[in-house]
Amino acid sequence: MSSVDLDSRYSKKENKEEKKLRKEKNESDEASKENYHPIPDGEFELIQFGEEPSRGVKIGTEPPDLARKQLKACLRENADLFSWHATEMSGLDPNVTCHQLTIDPAASDVV
């Protein structure tokens, strides 16, 4: 049975090279695990939009105070442009907004 890599952020060649480099670097290191998800770096501050706790964005705390204040003002001023649910995005062409999963057609269903 062949293994299927579902991480589409790399081409097959890039993924093989990345795995090879990681294996060489961490061959004897049991503690290191493969993690293909981006990991935020640094401290963040949550900018709330309204009363609903799920409506907000995180910004880094590293930029200078003036830049952060300007960014917060811009985000709050344009809060009505954010979509939090698919129902808020009426009029978008499904051919643009839908995604496709990278699935091996030979794979069997698992429940």
Protein backbone atom coordinates (compact mmCIF):
# COMPACT_ATOMS: atom_id res chain seq x y z
CA MET A 1 0.00 0.00 0.00
CA SER A 2 1.45 3.38 -0.96
CA SER A 3 1.46 6.29 1.46
CA VAL A 4 -0.33 9.46 0.44
CA ASP A 5 0.90 12.88 1.48
CA LEU A 6 -2.05 15.24 1.86
CA ASP A 7 0.01 18.36 2.60
CA SER A 8 -0.43 20.47 -0.53
CA ARG A 9 1.84 23.30 0.61
CA TYR A 10 4.82 21.61 -1.00
CA SER A 11 5.30 20.08 -4.42
CA LYS A 12 6.23 16.40 -4.38
CA LYS A 13 9.88 17.28 -5.03
CA GLU A 14 9.95 19.96 -2.30
CA ASN A 15 8.21 17.64 0.16
CA LYS A 16 10.73 14.84 -0.47
CA GLU A 17 13.64 17.26 -0.04
CA GLU A 18 12.10 18.67 3.16
CA LYS A 19 11.58 15.19 4.62
CA LYS A 20 15.14 14.17 3.68
CA LEU A 21 16.62 17.27 5.34
CA ARG A 22 14.46 16.82 8.43
CA LYS A 23 15.42 13.14 8.67
CA GLU A 24 19.13 13.92 8.37
CA LYS A 25 18.89 16.74 10.91
CA ASN A 26 16.80 14.91 13.48
CA GLU A 27 17.71 11.30 12.83
CA SER A 28 18.57 10.56 16.43
CA ASP A 29 16.25 13.10 18.05
CA GLU A 30 13.13 11.32 19.36
CA ALA A 31 11.59 14.53 20.73
CA SER A 32 11.24 16.23 17.35
CA LYS A 33 8.00 15.53 15.50
CA GLU A 34 6.91 16.54 12.04
CA ASN A 35 4.59 19.54 12.22
CA TYR A 36 3.34 20.91 8.94
CA HIS A 37 1.17 23.62 10.51
CA PRO A 38 2.42 27.18 10.78
CA ILE A 39 3.34 28.10 14.32
CA PRO A 40 2.93 31.77 15.24
CA ASP A 41 6.06 33.40 16.57
CA GLY A 42 6.01 36.00 19.31
CA GLU A 43 3.27 37.54 21.43
CA PHE A 44 -0.14 38.47 20.07
CA GLU A 45 -2.96 40.78 21.04
CA LEU A 46 -6.61 40.03 20.23
CA ILE A 47 -8.53 42.86 18.57
CA GLN A 48 -12.27 42.37 19.19
CA PHE A 49 -14.97 43.40 16.72
CA GLY A 50 -18.21 43.92 18.62
CA GLU A 51 -19.56 41.83 21.47
CA GLU A 52 -19.20 38.36 19.93
CA PRO A 53 -15.98 36.71 21.20
CA SER A 54 -15.42 34.78 17.96
CA ARG A 55 -15.17 38.00 15.96
CA GLY A 56 -11.66 39.25 16.32
CA VAL A 57 -8.18 39.08 14.87
CA LYS A 58 -4.78 38.66 16.45
CA ILE A 59 -1.96 41.07 15.73
CA GLY A 60 1.63 40.87 16.88
CA THR A 61 2.83 42.98 19.78
CA GLU A 62 6.26 43.56 18.23
CA PRO A 63 5.44 46.51 15.91
CA PRO A 64 5.90 49.97 17.43
CA ASP A 65 2.97 51.41 19.41
CA LEU A 66 2.06 53.95 16.73
CA ALA A 67 1.92 51.27 14.01
CA ARG A 68 -0.20 48.98 16.23
CA LYS A 69 -2.60 51.84 17.04
CA GLN A 70 -2.97 52.67 13.34
CA LEU A 71 -3.52 49.01 12.47
CA LYS A 72 -6.15 48.62 15.21
CA ALA A 73 -7.95 51.75 13.98
CA CYS A 74 -7.88 50.50 10.39
CA LEU A 75 -9.16 47.04 11.39
CA ARG A 76 -12.00 48.46 13.50
CA GLU A 77 -12.91 50.99 10.81
CA ASN A 78 -13.17 48.19 8.25
CA ALA A 79 -14.68 45.53 10.53
CA ASP A 80 -17.77 45.37 8.31
CA LEU A 81 -15.59 44.00 5.48
CA PHE A 82 -14.74 40.80 7.39
CA SER A 83 -16.80 37.66 6.82
CA TRP A 84 -17.10 35.32 9.78
CA HIS A 85 -19.46 32.79 8.19
CA ALA A 86 -20.01 31.56 4.64
CA THR A 87 -23.56 32.93 4.75
CA GLU A 88 -22.10 36.45 4.98
CA MET A 89 -20.34 36.04 1.63
CA SER A 90 -23.30 36.12 -0.75
CA GLY A 91 -22.62 36.67 -4.42
CA LEU A 92 -19.30 34.82 -4.56
CA ASP A 93 -18.81 32.34 -7.38
CA PRO A 94 -18.51 28.79 -5.91
CA ASN A 95 -15.83 28.03 -8.50
CA VAL A 96 -13.65 30.61 -6.75
CA THR A 97 -14.54 29.91 -3.14
CA CYS A 98 -14.69 26.10 -3.04
CA HIS A 99 -11.61 24.03 -2.32
CA GLN A 100 -10.64 20.55 -3.33
CA LEU A 101 -9.12 17.98 -1.01
CA THR A 102 -6.04 16.12 -2.16
CA ILE A 103 -7.28 12.54 -1.87
CA ASP A 104 -5.89 9.43 -3.49
CA PRO A 105 -8.71 7.98 -5.63
CA ALA A 106 -7.48 4.48 -4.74
CA ALA A 107 -7.89 5.11 -0.99
CA SER A 108 -10.72 3.32 0.77
CA ASP A 109 -13.27 5.01 3.03
CA VAL A 110 -12.60 4.86 6.78
CA VAL A 111 -15.23 5.59 9.40
